N, C-alpha and C. Protein backbone atom coordinates (compact mmCIF):
# COMPACT_ATOMS: atom_id res chain seq x y z
N LYS A 1 -19.47 11.57 15.78
CA LYS A 1 -19.64 12.41 14.26
C LYS A 1 -20.65 13.30 14.42
N SER A 2 -21.68 13.16 14.74
CA SER A 2 -23.03 13.71 14.77
C SER A 2 -22.95 14.73 15.64
N LEU A 3 -22.19 14.48 16.87
CA LEU A 3 -22.05 15.57 17.84
C LEU A 3 -20.93 16.58 17.37
N LEU A 4 -19.88 16.11 16.59
CA LEU A 4 -18.98 17.11 16.05
C LEU A 4 -19.75 18.16 15.06
N LYS A 5 -20.67 17.49 14.31
CA LYS A 5 -21.35 18.23 13.21
C LYS A 5 -22.13 19.44 13.88
N LYS A 6 -22.86 18.93 14.92
CA LYS A 6 -23.82 19.59 15.84
C LYS A 6 -22.96 20.71 16.38
N GLN A 7 -21.86 20.60 16.95
CA GLN A 7 -20.88 21.66 17.57
C GLN A 7 -20.13 22.54 16.66
N PHE A 8 -19.89 22.03 15.55
CA PHE A 8 -19.11 22.79 14.30
C PHE A 8 -19.95 22.66 13.03
N PRO A 9 -21.02 23.40 13.03
CA PRO A 9 -21.92 23.24 11.84
C PRO A 9 -21.17 23.96 10.52
N ASP A 10 -20.23 24.74 10.64
CA ASP A 10 -19.72 25.46 9.66
C ASP A 10 -18.37 24.48 9.06
N ASP A 11 -18.35 23.49 9.62
CA ASP A 11 -17.09 22.58 9.28
C ASP A 11 -17.49 21.19 8.78
N ILE A 12 -18.85 20.91 8.46
CA ILE A 12 -19.38 19.83 8.29
C ILE A 12 -18.31 18.91 7.40
N ALA A 13 -18.15 19.64 6.21
CA ALA A 13 -17.26 18.95 5.10
C ALA A 13 -16.02 18.41 5.47
N GLY A 14 -15.35 19.23 6.45
CA GLY A 14 -13.89 18.69 7.00
C GLY A 14 -14.16 17.57 7.95
N ILE A 15 -15.30 17.59 8.81
CA ILE A 15 -15.48 16.58 9.61
C ILE A 15 -15.68 15.33 8.84
N GLU A 16 -16.48 15.33 7.84
CA GLU A 16 -16.56 14.05 6.85
C GLU A 16 -15.39 13.57 6.38
N GLN A 17 -14.60 14.52 5.77
CA GLN A 17 -13.41 14.14 5.32
C GLN A 17 -12.44 13.34 6.19
N TYR A 18 -12.49 14.00 7.46
CA TYR A 18 -11.55 13.58 8.75
C TYR A 18 -12.09 12.02 8.75
N PHE A 19 -13.22 11.78 8.89
CA PHE A 19 -13.63 10.35 9.26
C PHE A 19 -13.42 9.42 7.97
N GLN A 20 -13.63 10.03 6.73
CA GLN A 20 -13.44 9.13 5.60
C GLN A 20 -11.57 8.82 5.49
N ILE A 21 -10.91 9.62 5.93
CA ILE A 21 -9.40 9.39 6.01
C ILE A 21 -9.11 8.51 7.02
N MET A 22 -9.80 8.66 8.15
CA MET A 22 -9.72 7.53 9.15
C MET A 22 -10.10 6.21 8.76
N GLU A 23 -10.98 5.96 8.12
CA GLU A 23 -11.50 4.72 7.63
C GLU A 23 -10.62 4.12 6.89
N THR A 24 -9.73 4.92 5.99
CA THR A 24 -8.61 4.22 5.36
C THR A 24 -7.75 3.25 5.93
N CYS A 25 -7.62 3.80 7.26
CA CYS A 25 -6.44 3.40 8.18
C CYS A 25 -7.06 2.07 9.02
N GLU A 26 -8.32 1.67 8.81
CA GLU A 26 -9.02 0.87 9.71
C GLU A 26 -8.49 -0.56 10.09
N ASN A 27 -7.97 -1.23 9.11
CA ASN A 27 -7.64 -2.63 9.12
C ASN A 27 -6.15 -2.78 8.99
N THR A 28 -5.53 -1.73 8.94
CA THR A 28 -3.90 -1.66 8.69
C THR A 28 -3.28 -2.50 9.82
N PHE A 29 -3.59 -2.43 11.09
CA PHE A 29 -3.00 -3.29 12.04
C PHE A 29 -2.81 -4.57 11.77
N ILE A 30 -3.61 -5.35 11.12
CA ILE A 30 -3.53 -6.64 10.63
C ILE A 30 -2.27 -6.87 9.70
N LEU A 31 -2.23 -6.03 8.73
CA LEU A 31 -1.06 -5.79 7.70
C LEU A 31 0.06 -5.66 8.52
N HIS A 32 0.17 -4.79 9.16
CA HIS A 32 1.34 -4.61 10.05
C HIS A 32 1.93 -5.76 10.62
N GLY A 33 0.98 -6.52 11.41
CA GLY A 33 1.45 -7.59 12.23
C GLY A 33 1.84 -8.60 11.29
N ILE A 34 1.05 -8.81 10.05
CA ILE A 34 1.73 -9.89 9.16
C ILE A 34 3.16 -9.54 8.48
N LEU A 35 3.31 -8.23 8.27
CA LEU A 35 4.71 -7.80 7.66
C LEU A 35 5.67 -7.95 8.84
N LYS A 36 5.42 -7.84 10.20
CA LYS A 36 6.33 -8.12 11.22
C LYS A 36 6.53 -9.80 11.28
N LEU A 37 5.60 -10.51 11.16
CA LEU A 37 5.73 -11.98 11.00
C LEU A 37 6.63 -12.37 9.86
N LEU A 38 6.45 -11.83 8.74
CA LEU A 38 7.28 -12.58 7.64
C LEU A 38 8.75 -12.22 7.92
N PRO A 39 9.55 -13.06 7.05
CA PRO A 39 10.96 -12.99 7.17
C PRO A 39 11.30 -11.66 6.39
N LEU A 40 12.34 -11.01 6.99
CA LEU A 40 12.63 -9.66 6.53
C LEU A 40 13.06 -9.73 4.97
N TRP A 41 13.68 -10.92 4.52
CA TRP A 41 14.09 -10.88 3.06
C TRP A 41 12.61 -10.84 2.29
N MET A 42 11.55 -11.42 2.87
CA MET A 42 10.56 -11.50 1.96
C MET A 42 9.72 -10.16 2.08
N VAL A 43 9.85 -9.36 3.22
CA VAL A 43 9.24 -7.89 3.08
C VAL A 43 10.01 -7.15 2.15
N LYS A 44 11.48 -6.99 2.21
CA LYS A 44 12.19 -6.56 1.35
C LYS A 44 11.96 -6.64 0.01
N LEU A 45 11.65 -8.07 -0.43
CA LEU A 45 11.33 -8.46 -1.86
C LEU A 45 10.18 -7.68 -2.19
N SER A 46 9.20 -7.63 -1.43
CA SER A 46 7.68 -7.08 -1.76
C SER A 46 7.92 -5.62 -1.96
N LEU A 47 8.92 -5.00 -1.17
CA LEU A 47 9.05 -3.48 -1.43
C LEU A 47 9.72 -3.37 -2.77
N VAL A 48 10.70 -3.85 -2.99
CA VAL A 48 11.50 -3.90 -3.95
C VAL A 48 10.93 -4.04 -5.37
N THR A 49 10.19 -5.07 -5.36
CA THR A 49 9.30 -5.35 -6.49
C THR A 49 8.02 -4.52 -6.84
N GLY A 50 7.66 -3.79 -5.68
CA GLY A 50 6.41 -2.93 -5.76
C GLY A 50 5.10 -3.85 -5.58
N ILE A 51 5.20 -5.14 -5.00
CA ILE A 51 3.88 -5.93 -5.03
C ILE A 51 3.23 -5.27 -3.70
N LEU A 52 3.99 -4.91 -2.78
CA LEU A 52 3.33 -4.34 -1.62
C LEU A 52 2.31 -3.23 -1.83
N LYS A 53 3.03 -2.28 -2.70
CA LYS A 53 2.49 -0.90 -3.09
C LYS A 53 1.20 -1.21 -4.09
N LEU A 54 1.23 -2.40 -4.78
CA LEU A 54 0.03 -2.68 -5.54
C LEU A 54 -1.22 -3.29 -4.72
N VAL A 55 -0.82 -3.93 -3.75
CA VAL A 55 -1.91 -4.74 -2.87
C VAL A 55 -2.31 -4.04 -1.55
N THR A 56 -1.74 -2.92 -1.28
CA THR A 56 -1.98 -2.19 -0.02
C THR A 56 -2.31 -0.70 -0.32
N ASN A 57 -2.79 0.02 0.94
CA ASN A 57 -3.10 1.39 0.67
C ASN A 57 -2.07 1.95 1.60
N LEU A 58 -0.84 1.46 1.91
CA LEU A 58 0.07 2.11 2.52
C LEU A 58 0.82 3.42 2.04
N TRP A 59 0.38 3.69 0.78
CA TRP A 59 1.14 4.96 0.21
C TRP A 59 0.03 6.11 0.04
N THR A 60 -0.94 5.99 0.73
CA THR A 60 -2.00 6.83 0.55
C THR A 60 -1.79 8.18 1.50
N LYS A 61 -2.68 9.11 1.36
CA LYS A 61 -2.40 10.42 2.17
C LYS A 61 -2.40 10.09 3.58
N ALA A 62 -3.11 9.32 4.24
CA ALA A 62 -3.09 9.00 5.62
C ALA A 62 -1.81 8.48 6.14
N TYR A 63 -0.94 7.94 5.40
CA TYR A 63 0.18 7.20 5.61
C TYR A 63 1.25 8.07 5.38
N THR A 64 1.07 8.87 4.70
CA THR A 64 2.50 9.84 3.98
C THR A 64 2.47 11.08 4.40
N THR A 65 1.55 11.65 5.24
CA THR A 65 1.32 12.95 5.53
C THR A 65 1.10 12.98 6.93
N ARG A 66 1.78 14.14 7.44
CA ARG A 66 1.63 14.42 9.01
C ARG A 66 0.23 14.79 9.48
N THR A 67 -0.08 14.62 10.86
CA THR A 67 -1.27 14.79 11.40
C THR A 67 -1.71 16.21 11.15
N LEU A 68 -0.80 17.05 11.62
CA LEU A 68 -1.09 18.52 11.62
C LEU A 68 -1.32 18.96 10.20
N ASP A 69 -0.73 18.47 9.21
CA ASP A 69 -0.90 18.89 7.96
C ASP A 69 -2.26 18.47 7.31
N ILE A 70 -2.87 17.23 7.65
CA ILE A 70 -4.12 17.01 7.21
C ILE A 70 -5.09 17.63 7.97
N VAL A 71 -4.92 17.88 9.25
CA VAL A 71 -6.26 18.47 10.10
C VAL A 71 -6.19 19.87 9.52
N GLN A 72 -5.19 20.58 9.20
CA GLN A 72 -5.06 21.98 8.80
C GLN A 72 -5.60 22.03 7.54
N GLY A 73 -5.35 21.15 6.61
CA GLY A 73 -6.08 21.08 5.53
C GLY A 73 -7.54 20.92 5.51
N LEU A 74 -8.03 20.46 6.39
CA LEU A 74 -9.62 20.24 6.60
C LEU A 74 -10.45 21.24 7.29
N THR A 75 -9.69 22.21 8.02
CA THR A 75 -10.58 23.06 8.71
C THR A 75 -9.51 24.17 9.26
N ASP A 76 -9.88 25.52 9.31
CA ASP A 76 -9.17 26.54 9.67
C ASP A 76 -9.59 26.81 11.22
N ASN A 77 -10.68 25.99 11.81
CA ASN A 77 -11.18 26.24 13.04
C ASN A 77 -10.05 25.60 14.08
N LYS A 78 -9.56 26.51 14.79
CA LYS A 78 -8.47 25.89 15.71
C LYS A 78 -9.11 24.98 16.98
N GLU A 79 -10.43 25.17 17.45
CA GLU A 79 -10.85 24.54 18.27
C GLU A 79 -11.29 23.17 17.65
N LEU A 80 -11.79 22.99 16.60
CA LEU A 80 -12.01 21.73 15.92
C LEU A 80 -10.69 21.03 15.54
N GLN A 81 -9.65 21.81 15.35
CA GLN A 81 -8.31 20.94 14.95
C GLN A 81 -7.88 20.34 16.35
N THR A 82 -8.06 21.05 17.42
CA THR A 82 -7.73 20.69 18.73
C THR A 82 -8.51 19.09 19.11
N VAL A 83 -9.55 19.27 18.87
CA VAL A 83 -10.65 18.04 18.99
C VAL A 83 -10.17 16.95 18.19
N MET A 84 -9.71 17.08 16.96
CA MET A 84 -9.37 16.20 15.97
C MET A 84 -8.06 15.69 16.29
N MET A 85 -7.24 16.43 16.86
CA MET A 85 -5.80 15.74 17.24
C MET A 85 -5.43 15.54 18.68
N TYR A 86 -6.67 15.68 19.47
CA TYR A 86 -6.42 15.42 20.97
C TYR A 86 -5.89 14.45 21.58
N GLY A 87 -5.59 13.32 20.89
CA GLY A 87 -5.01 12.24 21.42
C GLY A 87 -3.28 11.90 21.31
N TRP A 88 -2.86 13.01 20.68
CA TRP A 88 -1.45 12.88 20.34
C TRP A 88 -0.39 12.67 21.70
N GLY A 89 -0.90 13.12 22.78
CA GLY A 89 -0.24 12.68 24.09
C GLY A 89 -0.04 11.43 24.44
N ASP A 90 -1.14 10.56 23.82
CA ASP A 90 -1.17 9.13 24.18
C ASP A 90 -0.12 8.35 23.55
N TYR A 91 0.21 8.80 22.42
CA TYR A 91 1.29 7.92 21.67
C TYR A 91 2.61 8.84 21.49
N GLY A 92 2.77 9.95 21.98
CA GLY A 92 3.95 10.77 22.43
C GLY A 92 4.63 11.40 21.24
N ASN A 93 4.04 11.81 20.16
CA ASN A 93 4.67 12.43 19.12
C ASN A 93 3.62 13.82 18.86
N LEU A 94 4.33 14.81 18.73
CA LEU A 94 3.71 15.96 18.28
C LEU A 94 2.98 15.58 16.86
N PRO A 95 1.78 16.57 16.76
CA PRO A 95 0.83 16.21 15.41
C PRO A 95 2.02 16.67 14.18
N SER A 96 3.00 17.65 14.45
CA SER A 96 3.59 18.06 13.43
C SER A 96 4.67 17.03 13.09
N LYS A 97 4.91 16.09 13.83
CA LYS A 97 5.91 14.98 13.59
C LYS A 97 5.41 13.52 13.42
N SER A 98 4.13 13.32 13.72
CA SER A 98 3.63 12.11 13.63
C SER A 98 2.73 11.87 12.40
N TYR A 99 2.52 10.65 11.87
CA TYR A 99 1.84 10.52 10.53
C TYR A 99 0.48 10.37 11.17
N PHE A 100 -0.67 10.74 10.30
CA PHE A 100 -2.04 10.56 10.58
C PHE A 100 -2.48 9.08 11.01
N THR A 101 -1.78 8.22 10.44
CA THR A 101 -2.38 6.85 10.63
C THR A 101 -2.27 6.40 12.34
N MET A 102 -1.27 7.06 13.21
CA MET A 102 -1.30 6.83 14.52
C MET A 102 -2.69 7.32 15.08
N GLN A 103 -2.78 8.67 14.82
CA GLN A 103 -4.00 9.30 15.30
C GLN A 103 -5.40 8.54 14.92
N ALA A 104 -5.44 8.08 13.65
CA ALA A 104 -6.70 7.40 13.25
C ALA A 104 -6.79 6.23 13.98
N LEU A 105 -5.84 5.38 14.20
CA LEU A 105 -5.94 4.06 14.95
C LEU A 105 -6.25 4.38 16.44
N LEU A 106 -5.70 5.44 17.17
CA LEU A 106 -5.90 5.48 18.29
C LEU A 106 -7.54 6.08 18.42
N ASN A 107 -7.94 7.06 17.57
CA ASN A 107 -9.41 7.37 17.55
C ASN A 107 -10.29 6.24 17.47
N GLN A 108 -10.01 5.25 16.39
CA GLN A 108 -10.81 4.17 16.15
C GLN A 108 -10.89 3.42 17.42
N HIS A 109 -9.81 2.99 18.00
CA HIS A 109 -9.70 2.39 19.16
C HIS A 109 -10.84 2.90 20.43
N PHE A 110 -10.65 4.10 20.50
CA PHE A 110 -11.60 4.67 21.51
C PHE A 110 -12.91 4.80 21.01
N MET A 111 -13.39 5.06 19.82
CA MET A 111 -14.67 5.00 19.32
C MET A 111 -15.20 3.59 19.49
N VAL A 112 -14.38 2.39 18.98
CA VAL A 112 -15.09 1.08 19.28
C VAL A 112 -15.14 0.46 20.69
N ASP A 113 -13.93 0.65 21.51
CA ASP A 113 -13.85 0.10 22.78
C ASP A 113 -14.00 1.23 23.88
N GLY A 114 -13.80 2.44 23.64
CA GLY A 114 -13.93 3.45 24.73
C GLY A 114 -12.68 3.47 25.55
N GLY A 115 -12.65 4.15 26.65
CA GLY A 115 -11.54 4.30 27.47
C GLY A 115 -11.92 3.56 28.88
N HIS A 116 -11.05 2.82 29.35
CA HIS A 116 -11.22 1.89 30.43
C HIS A 116 -10.22 2.32 31.72
N TYR A 117 -10.89 2.37 32.81
CA TYR A 117 -9.94 2.92 33.87
C TYR A 117 -10.30 1.93 35.09
N PRO A 118 -9.15 1.61 35.89
CA PRO A 118 -9.40 0.78 37.13
C PRO A 118 -10.21 1.50 38.11
N VAL A 119 -10.79 0.77 38.77
CA VAL A 119 -11.78 1.41 40.05
C VAL A 119 -10.76 1.77 40.96
N GLY A 120 -10.95 3.05 41.43
CA GLY A 120 -10.37 3.75 42.40
C GLY A 120 -9.14 4.64 41.61
N GLY A 121 -9.28 4.62 40.17
CA GLY A 121 -8.15 5.57 39.57
C GLY A 121 -6.84 4.80 39.14
N ALA A 122 -5.92 5.85 38.60
CA ALA A 122 -4.73 5.15 37.96
C ALA A 122 -3.87 4.73 39.18
N SER A 123 -3.87 5.15 40.52
CA SER A 123 -3.11 4.95 41.42
C SER A 123 -3.17 3.39 41.95
N GLU A 124 -4.33 2.89 41.15
CA GLU A 124 -4.45 1.39 41.60
C GLU A 124 -3.82 0.39 40.79
N ILE A 125 -3.25 0.83 39.76
CA ILE A 125 -2.46 -0.14 38.91
C ILE A 125 -1.08 -0.47 39.51
């Protein structure tokens, strides 16, 4: 975050917002896992009654807006936009077709755990 601010001093507000939006997605993988484990009728009931919407943040901007739209709304700097959306190839959808949640979860994964490569490169797998 500090490196981005140093490299793009005119876009500090956009960088801050980017990280704030990413934080809203931080623990959603647990919720998604729970929803996958629940019986389908129970998930449908929680959707129909609106309970799921009351107790989760699944209907916030990060979940309902495409990656490209969010990033373009944060900055006009094409180079910074590229940095913010660099990982789309890892999950296979163009930023114009993917929701920001996937980009945020991927970024958080790399920020926490980093990238890991086998000794000798990918050919060793």
